[in-house]
Amino acid sequence: MTIKNIMHGFFLVALFVPALITPTLVLAKESHLIRLQRMIDEHTAVVQQKVVNSWTLPSISAPKLSSIVTVAVAVNGEVIGVQVTSRSGNSDFDRSAEVAVTRSSPLPVAVDPEVMDQFRTLLFEFRSGGGYETTVDATVPKDNLGYANYARVKSPIYIDK
């Protein structure tokens, strides 16, 4: 075998090995993101339930109200900031949303730090009166291989009564 044939063989191996490895890496990345999204969804439900249990709906005359509250959360689950970012038009309703989040502190802490990183800033939409359609923007950026490149908390987290 000549050196030319050996070099040609190495060239062919170098050409095809990445094609064999790339799908494995993509599948591993996709599997990790699917697992991460499942953990985020499970933790979202736990956080949502704690806030729902802390919310006392005030006596209101309006049939349907909605306010959005932005919440800053420390690594230990402590609520460190609450702000109504979209008001309902009823100050008692808005205040009850703020109080519900404050009363829920500390929020449950995710065991996985990568999951907990997703819960540092949250949006809660407090809604009364029912009849709301729950839709979440499902637009997910794709990487150059066409796969979703991150997992995240679906926002807002709905709190209904």
N, C-alpha and C. Protein backbone atom coordinates (compact mmCIF):
# COMPACT_ATOMS: atom_id res chain seq x y z
N MET A 1 0.85 -1.17 0.00
CA MET A 1 0.00 0.00 0.00
C MET A 1 0.90 1.24 0.00
N THR A 2 0.55 2.14 -0.84
CA THR A 2 1.38 3.35 -0.94
C THR A 2 0.90 4.39 0.06
N ILE A 3 1.77 5.34 0.28
CA ILE A 3 1.42 6.44 1.21
C ILE A 3 0.22 7.21 0.66
N LYS A 4 0.15 7.30 -0.65
CA LYS A 4 -0.98 7.99 -1.27
C LYS A 4 -2.29 7.29 -0.93
N ASN A 5 -2.32 5.96 -0.97
CA ASN A 5 -3.54 5.20 -0.64
C ASN A 5 -3.89 5.35 0.85
N ILE A 6 -2.88 5.34 1.69
CA ILE A 6 -3.12 5.49 3.13
C ILE A 6 -3.71 6.88 3.41
N MET A 7 -3.13 7.91 2.81
CA MET A 7 -3.62 9.27 3.01
C MET A 7 -5.06 9.40 2.49
N HIS A 8 -5.34 8.76 1.38
CA HIS A 8 -6.70 8.79 0.83
C HIS A 8 -7.68 8.13 1.81
N GLY A 9 -7.26 7.04 2.43
CA GLY A 9 -8.09 6.35 3.44
C GLY A 9 -8.37 7.24 4.64
N PHE A 10 -7.33 7.92 5.15
CA PHE A 10 -7.51 8.83 6.27
C PHE A 10 -8.45 9.98 5.90
N PHE A 11 -8.32 10.45 4.67
CA PHE A 11 -9.19 11.53 4.21
C PHE A 11 -10.66 11.08 4.21
N LEU A 12 -10.92 9.87 3.73
CA LEU A 12 -12.29 9.36 3.70
C LEU A 12 -12.85 9.18 5.11
N VAL A 13 -12.02 8.67 6.02
CA VAL A 13 -12.46 8.50 7.42
C VAL A 13 -12.76 9.87 8.02
N ALA A 14 -11.88 10.83 7.79
CA ALA A 14 -12.08 12.18 8.33
C ALA A 14 -13.33 12.82 7.75
N LEU A 15 -13.67 12.44 6.56
CA LEU A 15 -14.85 12.99 5.90
C LEU A 15 -16.15 12.43 6.47
N PHE A 16 -16.16 11.14 6.82
CA PHE A 16 -17.40 10.48 7.24
C PHE A 16 -17.60 10.38 8.75
N VAL A 17 -16.57 10.44 9.55
CA VAL A 17 -16.72 10.31 11.00
C VAL A 17 -17.62 11.42 11.57
N PRO A 18 -17.42 12.69 11.19
CA PRO A 18 -18.33 13.71 11.72
C PRO A 18 -19.79 13.45 11.36
N ALA A 19 -20.04 12.90 10.19
CA ALA A 19 -21.41 12.60 9.79
C ALA A 19 -22.02 11.52 10.67
N LEU A 20 -21.19 10.65 11.22
CA LEU A 20 -21.67 9.60 12.11
C LEU A 20 -21.86 10.11 13.53
N ILE A 21 -21.00 11.01 13.97
CA ILE A 21 -21.04 11.51 15.35
C ILE A 21 -22.12 12.58 15.52
N THR A 22 -22.32 13.46 14.56
CA THR A 22 -23.25 14.59 14.68
C THR A 22 -24.67 14.15 15.04
N PRO A 23 -25.26 13.14 14.38
CA PRO A 23 -26.62 12.74 14.78
C PRO A 23 -26.69 12.27 16.23
N THR A 24 -25.65 11.60 16.71
CA THR A 24 -25.63 11.14 18.10
C THR A 24 -25.62 12.33 19.05
N LEU A 25 -24.80 13.34 18.74
CA LEU A 25 -24.74 14.54 19.59
C LEU A 25 -26.06 15.30 19.57
N VAL A 26 -26.68 15.39 18.40
CA VAL A 26 -27.97 16.08 18.28
C VAL A 26 -29.03 15.35 19.09
N LEU A 27 -29.06 14.03 19.00
CA LEU A 27 -30.04 13.25 19.77
C LEU A 27 -29.81 13.41 21.27
N ALA A 28 -28.56 13.43 21.70
CA ALA A 28 -28.26 13.61 23.13
C ALA A 28 -28.71 14.99 23.59
N LYS A 29 -28.45 16.01 22.77
CA LYS A 29 -28.87 17.37 23.11
C LYS A 29 -30.39 17.45 23.17
N GLU A 30 -31.06 16.87 22.17
CA GLU A 30 -32.51 16.90 22.13
C GLU A 30 -33.10 16.15 23.33
N SER A 31 -32.52 15.02 23.68
CA SER A 31 -32.99 14.25 24.83
C SER A 31 -32.85 15.05 26.12
N HIS A 32 -31.73 15.74 26.27
CA HIS A 32 -31.51 16.57 27.46
C HIS A 32 -32.55 17.69 27.53
N LEU A 33 -32.83 18.34 26.39
CA LEU A 33 -33.79 19.44 26.37
C LEU A 33 -35.21 18.95 26.65
N ILE A 34 -35.54 17.78 26.16
CA ILE A 34 -36.87 17.21 26.43
C ILE A 34 -37.01 16.92 27.92
N ARG A 35 -35.98 16.33 28.51
CA ARG A 35 -35.99 16.02 29.95
C ARG A 35 -36.05 17.32 30.76
N LEU A 36 -35.27 18.32 30.35
CA LEU A 36 -35.27 19.61 31.04
C LEU A 36 -36.64 20.27 30.96
N GLN A 37 -37.27 20.25 29.77
CA GLN A 37 -38.59 20.86 29.62
C GLN A 37 -39.62 20.14 30.47
N ARG A 38 -39.53 18.82 30.58
CA ARG A 38 -40.46 18.06 31.42
C ARG A 38 -40.31 18.48 32.89
N MET A 39 -39.06 18.63 33.35
CA MET A 39 -38.82 19.06 34.73
C MET A 39 -39.33 20.48 34.96
N ILE A 40 -39.14 21.35 33.98
CA ILE A 40 -39.64 22.73 34.09
C ILE A 40 -41.16 22.73 34.17
N ASP A 41 -41.81 21.95 33.33
CA ASP A 41 -43.28 21.87 33.34
C ASP A 41 -43.79 21.34 34.68
N GLU A 42 -43.13 20.32 35.22
CA GLU A 42 -43.54 19.77 36.52
C GLU A 42 -43.36 20.79 37.62
N HIS A 43 -42.24 21.51 37.60
CA HIS A 43 -41.99 22.51 38.64
C HIS A 43 -42.95 23.70 38.50
N THR A 44 -43.29 24.05 37.27
CA THR A 44 -44.26 25.12 37.03
C THR A 44 -45.59 24.79 37.70
N ALA A 45 -46.03 23.55 37.58
CA ALA A 45 -47.30 23.13 38.19
C ALA A 45 -47.25 23.25 39.71
N VAL A 46 -46.10 22.93 40.31
CA VAL A 46 -45.95 23.01 41.77
C VAL A 46 -45.99 24.48 42.21
N VAL A 47 -45.28 25.33 41.50
CA VAL A 47 -45.26 26.76 41.82
C VAL A 47 -46.66 27.35 41.63
N GLN A 48 -47.30 27.01 40.53
CA GLN A 48 -48.64 27.50 40.23
C GLN A 48 -49.61 27.13 41.35
N GLN A 49 -49.56 25.88 41.79
CA GLN A 49 -50.48 25.42 42.84
C GLN A 49 -50.26 26.17 44.15
N LYS A 50 -49.00 26.44 44.49
CA LYS A 50 -48.73 27.17 45.73
C LYS A 50 -49.32 28.58 45.66
N VAL A 51 -49.19 29.24 44.51
CA VAL A 51 -49.73 30.60 44.37
C VAL A 51 -51.26 30.57 44.36
N VAL A 52 -51.85 29.60 43.66
CA VAL A 52 -53.31 29.46 43.65
C VAL A 52 -53.84 29.31 45.07
N ASN A 53 -53.18 28.47 45.86
CA ASN A 53 -53.61 28.23 47.25
C ASN A 53 -53.46 29.46 48.13
N SER A 54 -52.61 30.40 47.74
CA SER A 54 -52.38 31.61 48.53
C SER A 54 -53.25 32.78 48.11
N TRP A 55 -54.01 32.59 47.04
CA TRP A 55 -54.79 33.70 46.50
C TRP A 55 -56.21 33.71 47.05
N THR A 56 -56.59 34.84 47.64
CA THR A 56 -57.96 35.06 48.08
C THR A 56 -58.56 36.10 47.15
N LEU A 57 -59.54 35.67 46.38
CA LEU A 57 -60.18 36.56 45.41
C LEU A 57 -61.08 37.53 46.17
N PRO A 58 -60.87 38.84 45.97
CA PRO A 58 -61.72 39.81 46.67
C PRO A 58 -63.13 39.82 46.07
N SER A 59 -64.08 40.37 46.83
CA SER A 59 -65.43 40.54 46.30
C SER A 59 -65.37 41.61 45.22
N ILE A 60 -65.73 41.23 44.02
CA ILE A 60 -65.66 42.17 42.91
C ILE A 60 -66.95 42.09 42.11
N SER A 61 -67.29 43.19 41.47
CA SER A 61 -68.52 43.22 40.68
C SER A 61 -68.27 42.92 39.21
N ALA A 62 -67.05 43.12 38.74
CA ALA A 62 -66.74 42.86 37.33
C ALA A 62 -66.71 41.35 37.09
N PRO A 63 -67.30 40.88 36.00
CA PRO A 63 -67.36 39.44 35.75
C PRO A 63 -66.01 38.82 35.38
N LYS A 64 -65.20 39.55 34.62
CA LYS A 64 -63.91 39.01 34.20
C LYS A 64 -62.82 40.05 34.40
N LEU A 65 -61.80 39.69 35.16
CA LEU A 65 -60.66 40.59 35.37
C LEU A 65 -59.38 39.81 35.13
N SER A 66 -58.35 40.53 34.77
CA SER A 66 -57.04 39.91 34.54
C SER A 66 -55.95 40.92 34.87
N SER A 67 -54.94 40.47 35.60
CA SER A 67 -53.77 41.32 35.82
C SER A 67 -52.53 40.43 35.74
N ILE A 68 -51.45 41.04 35.27
CA ILE A 68 -50.20 40.30 35.13
C ILE A 68 -49.21 40.85 36.15
N VAL A 69 -48.59 39.91 36.85
CA VAL A 69 -47.64 40.25 37.91
C VAL A 69 -46.27 39.67 37.52
N THR A 70 -45.25 40.52 37.57
CA THR A 70 -43.87 40.08 37.33
C THR A 70 -43.22 39.85 38.68
N VAL A 71 -42.56 38.70 38.81
CA VAL A 71 -42.01 38.29 40.09
C VAL A 71 -40.52 37.96 39.93
N ALA A 72 -39.70 38.51 40.82
CA ALA A 72 -38.28 38.17 40.87
C ALA A 72 -38.10 37.19 42.02
N VAL A 73 -37.35 36.11 41.75
CA VAL A 73 -37.19 35.03 42.73
C VAL A 73 -35.70 34.77 42.96
N ALA A 74 -35.30 34.67 44.22
CA ALA A 74 -33.92 34.32 44.56
C ALA A 74 -33.71 32.82 44.37
N VAL A 75 -32.46 32.41 44.38
CA VAL A 75 -32.11 31.00 44.19
C VAL A 75 -32.77 30.11 45.25
N ASN A 76 -32.97 30.66 46.45
CA ASN A 76 -33.59 29.88 47.53
C ASN A 76 -35.11 29.89 47.49
N GLY A 77 -35.71 30.48 46.43
CA GLY A 77 -37.16 30.52 46.28
C GLY A 77 -37.82 31.74 46.88
N GLU A 78 -37.05 32.54 47.60
CA GLU A 78 -37.59 33.74 48.25
C GLU A 78 -38.03 34.74 47.16
N VAL A 79 -39.24 35.26 47.30
CA VAL A 79 -39.73 36.28 46.38
C VAL A 79 -39.07 37.60 46.78
N ILE A 80 -38.31 38.17 45.86
CA ILE A 80 -37.57 39.39 46.18
C ILE A 80 -38.12 40.63 45.47
N GLY A 81 -39.12 40.42 44.63
CA GLY A 81 -39.75 41.56 43.97
C GLY A 81 -41.06 41.15 43.33
N VAL A 82 -42.08 41.99 43.51
CA VAL A 82 -43.40 41.75 42.92
C VAL A 82 -43.88 43.07 42.34
N GLN A 83 -44.30 43.03 41.07
CA GLN A 83 -44.79 44.25 40.44
C GLN A 83 -45.94 43.90 39.49
N VAL A 84 -47.04 44.61 39.63
CA VAL A 84 -48.15 44.45 38.69
C VAL A 84 -47.75 45.17 37.41
N THR A 85 -47.60 44.42 36.33
CA THR A 85 -47.15 45.02 35.07
C THR A 85 -48.29 45.25 34.09
N SER A 86 -49.45 44.65 34.37
CA SER A 86 -50.64 44.90 33.58
C SER A 86 -51.82 44.90 34.54
N ARG A 87 -52.44 46.04 34.71
CA ARG A 87 -53.50 46.20 35.70
C ARG A 87 -54.86 45.79 35.14
N SER A 88 -55.71 45.34 36.06
CA SER A 88 -57.05 44.87 35.69
C SER A 88 -58.07 46.01 35.61
N GLY A 89 -57.76 47.12 36.25
CA GLY A 89 -58.74 48.21 36.36
C GLY A 89 -59.43 48.18 37.71
N ASN A 90 -59.16 47.16 38.51
CA ASN A 90 -59.73 47.03 39.84
C ASN A 90 -58.56 46.91 40.81
N SER A 91 -58.34 47.96 41.61
CA SER A 91 -57.17 47.98 42.50
C SER A 91 -57.20 46.86 43.54
N ASP A 92 -58.39 46.47 44.02
CA ASP A 92 -58.48 45.37 45.00
C ASP A 92 -58.03 44.05 44.37
N PHE A 93 -58.43 43.84 43.12
CA PHE A 93 -58.04 42.62 42.42
C PHE A 93 -56.53 42.59 42.21
N ASP A 94 -55.97 43.72 41.74
CA ASP A 94 -54.52 43.79 41.52
C ASP A 94 -53.75 43.57 42.82
N ARG A 95 -54.22 44.18 43.88
CA ARG A 95 -53.56 44.04 45.19
C ARG A 95 -53.64 42.58 45.66
N SER A 96 -54.76 41.91 45.42
CA SER A 96 -54.89 40.50 45.84
C SER A 96 -53.89 39.61 45.11
N ALA A 97 -53.58 39.96 43.86
CA ALA A 97 -52.58 39.20 43.09
C ALA A 97 -51.20 39.39 43.70
N GLU A 98 -50.86 40.64 44.01
CA GLU A 98 -49.56 40.92 44.66
C GLU A 98 -49.43 40.18 45.98
N VAL A 99 -50.48 40.24 46.78
CA VAL A 99 -50.46 39.60 48.09
C VAL A 99 -50.33 38.08 47.95
N ALA A 100 -50.99 37.49 46.97
CA ALA A 100 -50.92 36.04 46.76
C ALA A 100 -49.49 35.59 46.51
N VAL A 101 -48.78 36.34 45.67
CA VAL A 101 -47.39 35.97 45.37
C VAL A 101 -46.51 36.17 46.60
N THR A 102 -46.70 37.30 47.29
CA THR A 102 -45.90 37.57 48.49
C THR A 102 -46.14 36.50 49.55
N ARG A 103 -47.41 36.13 49.73
CA ARG A 103 -47.78 35.11 50.71
C ARG A 103 -47.20 33.74 50.35
N SER A 104 -46.95 33.50 49.07
CA SER A 104 -46.43 32.21 48.59
C SER A 104 -44.93 32.05 48.84
N SER A 105 -44.28 33.14 49.22
CA SER A 105 -42.83 33.10 49.42
C SER A 105 -42.48 32.33 50.68
N PRO A 106 -41.48 31.47 50.63
CA PRO A 106 -40.66 31.15 49.48
C PRO A 106 -41.39 30.19 48.54
N LEU A 107 -41.18 30.39 47.25
CA LEU A 107 -41.72 29.47 46.25
C LEU A 107 -40.91 28.18 46.29
N PRO A 108 -41.50 27.08 45.86
CA PRO A 108 -40.77 25.81 45.86
C PRO A 108 -39.48 25.94 45.03
N VAL A 109 -38.43 25.30 45.52
CA VAL A 109 -37.13 25.33 44.85
C VAL A 109 -36.95 24.04 44.06
N ALA A 110 -36.55 24.16 42.82
CA ALA A 110 -36.27 22.99 41.99
C ALA A 110 -34.95 22.37 42.45
N VAL A 111 -34.89 21.06 42.46
CA VAL A 111 -33.69 20.35 42.87
C VAL A 111 -32.56 20.59 41.86
N ASP A 112 -32.89 20.60 40.59
CA ASP A 112 -31.90 20.79 39.53
C ASP A 112 -31.62 22.28 39.34
N PRO A 113 -30.37 22.72 39.50
CA PRO A 113 -30.05 24.14 39.35
C PRO A 113 -30.38 24.69 37.96
N GLU A 114 -30.27 23.86 36.94
CA GLU A 114 -30.59 24.31 35.58
C GLU A 114 -32.08 24.62 35.45
N VAL A 115 -32.90 23.85 36.15
CA VAL A 115 -34.34 24.11 36.18
C VAL A 115 -34.60 25.38 36.98
N MET A 116 -33.99 25.50 38.14
CA MET A 116 -34.23 26.67 39.00
C MET A 116 -33.83 27.96 38.31
N ASP A 117 -32.81 27.92 37.45
CA ASP A 117 -32.41 29.12 36.71
C ASP A 117 -33.56 29.68 35.88
N GLN A 118 -34.47 28.81 35.45
CA GLN A 118 -35.61 29.23 34.64
C GLN A 118 -36.69 29.92 35.48
N PHE A 119 -36.58 29.84 36.81
CA PHE A 119 -37.61 30.37 37.71
C PHE A 119 -37.15 31.61 38.46
N ARG A 120 -36.20 32.34 37.90
CA ARG A 120 -35.68 33.53 38.58
C ARG A 120 -36.56 34.76 38.31
N THR A 121 -37.19 34.82 37.14
CA THR A 121 -38.16 35.88 36.82
C THR A 121 -39.38 35.20 36.22
N LEU A 122 -40.53 35.43 36.82
CA LEU A 122 -41.76 34.77 36.39
C LEU A 122 -42.85 35.80 36.10
N LEU A 123 -43.73 35.43 35.20
CA LEU A 123 -44.94 36.21 34.95
C LEU A 123 -46.13 35.35 35.37
N PHE A 124 -46.99 35.92 36.20
CA PHE A 124 -48.23 35.26 36.57
C PHE A 124 -49.37 36.10 36.02
N GLU A 125 -50.34 35.46 35.38
CA GLU A 125 -51.55 36.16 34.99
C GLU A 125 -52.67 35.67 35.89
N PHE A 126 -53.18 36.58 36.72
CA PHE A 126 -54.30 36.28 37.62
C PHE A 126 -55.58 36.62 36.87
N ARG A 127 -56.51 35.66 36.84
CA ARG A 127 -57.75 35.85 36.08
C ARG A 127 -58.95 35.42 36.92
N SER A 128 -60.01 36.18 36.83
CA SER A 128 -61.25 35.81 37.52
C SER A 128 -62.38 35.72 36.51
N GLY A 129 -63.37 34.93 36.83
CA GLY A 129 -64.57 34.88 36.01
C GLY A 129 -64.60 33.80 34.95
N GLY A 130 -63.50 33.13 34.71
CA GLY A 130 -63.49 32.03 33.73
C GLY A 130 -63.70 32.51 32.31
N GLY A 131 -63.81 31.56 31.39
CA GLY A 131 -64.06 31.86 30.00
C GLY A 131 -62.85 32.35 29.24
N TYR A 132 -61.65 32.18 29.80
CA TYR A 132 -60.44 32.61 29.12
C TYR A 132 -59.88 31.46 28.31
N GLU A 133 -59.33 31.81 27.17
CA GLU A 133 -58.58 30.81 26.40
C GLU A 133 -57.15 30.85 26.89
N THR A 134 -56.61 29.69 27.23
CA THR A 134 -55.23 29.63 27.68
C THR A 134 -54.35 29.31 26.49
N THR A 135 -53.64 30.30 26.02
CA THR A 135 -52.72 30.07 24.91
C THR A 135 -51.34 30.54 25.32
N VAL A 136 -50.36 29.81 24.88
CA VAL A 136 -48.97 30.15 25.17
C VAL A 136 -48.26 30.26 23.84
N ASP A 137 -47.45 31.30 23.69
CA ASP A 137 -46.67 31.46 22.48
C ASP A 137 -45.73 30.27 22.36
N ALA A 138 -45.95 29.46 21.34
CA ALA A 138 -45.15 28.25 21.17
C ALA A 138 -44.01 28.45 20.18
N THR A 139 -43.72 29.69 19.83
CA THR A 139 -42.61 29.94 18.91
C THR A 139 -41.31 29.65 19.62
N VAL A 140 -40.58 28.68 19.11
CA VAL A 140 -39.33 28.27 19.73
C VAL A 140 -38.22 28.42 18.69
N PRO A 141 -37.19 29.21 19.00
CA PRO A 141 -36.09 29.34 18.04
C PRO A 141 -35.46 27.99 17.76
N LYS A 142 -35.01 27.80 16.53
CA LYS A 142 -34.36 26.55 16.13
C LYS A 142 -32.88 26.81 15.91
N ASP A 143 -32.06 25.80 16.19
CA ASP A 143 -30.65 25.95 15.87
C ASP A 143 -30.43 25.56 14.41
N ASN A 144 -29.21 25.55 13.96
CA ASN A 144 -28.96 25.31 12.54
C ASN A 144 -29.28 23.88 12.11
N LEU A 145 -29.54 22.99 13.06
CA LEU A 145 -29.93 21.63 12.73
C LEU A 145 -31.45 21.46 12.77
N GLY A 146 -32.17 22.51 13.12
CA GLY A 146 -33.63 22.46 13.11
C GLY A 146 -34.25 22.04 14.43
N TYR A 147 -33.47 21.89 15.49
CA TYR A 147 -34.01 21.48 16.79
C TYR A 147 -34.16 22.68 17.70
N ALA A 148 -35.15 22.60 18.58
CA ALA A 148 -35.32 23.65 19.58
C ALA A 148 -34.05 23.68 20.43
N ASN A 149 -33.53 24.87 20.67
CA ASN A 149 -32.26 24.94 21.37
C ASN A 149 -32.35 25.36 22.83
N TYR A 150 -33.54 25.35 23.38
CA TYR A 150 -33.64 25.63 24.80
C TYR A 150 -34.99 25.14 25.34
N ALA A 151 -35.04 25.05 26.63
CA ALA A 151 -36.29 24.74 27.32
C ALA A 151 -36.58 25.94 28.21
N ARG A 152 -37.86 26.21 28.48
CA ARG A 152 -38.18 27.40 29.26
C ARG A 152 -39.54 27.25 29.94
N VAL A 153 -39.76 28.13 30.91
CA VAL A 153 -41.06 28.23 31.55
C VAL A 153 -42.00 28.89 30.55
N LYS A 154 -43.16 28.29 30.36
CA LYS A 154 -44.16 28.91 29.49
C LYS A 154 -44.79 30.05 30.27
N SER A 155 -44.73 31.23 29.72
CA SER A 155 -45.23 32.41 30.42
C SER A 155 -46.39 33.02 29.66
N PRO A 156 -47.33 33.60 30.34
CA PRO A 156 -47.40 33.65 31.80
C PRO A 156 -47.91 32.33 32.38
N ILE A 157 -47.72 32.20 33.69
CA ILE A 157 -48.29 31.08 34.43
C ILE A 157 -49.68 31.55 34.86
N TYR A 158 -50.71 30.81 34.48
CA TYR A 158 -52.08 31.25 34.73
C TYR A 158 -52.56 30.86 36.14
N ILE A 159 -53.16 31.82 36.81
CA ILE A 159 -53.76 31.61 38.13
C ILE A 159 -55.23 32.00 37.98
N ASP A 160 -56.10 31.01 37.97
CA ASP A 160 -57.52 31.24 37.72
C ASP A 160 -58.37 30.97 38.95
N LYS A 161 -59.42 31.78 39.10
CA LYS A 161 -60.46 31.51 40.10
C LYS A 161 -61.77 31.95 39.51
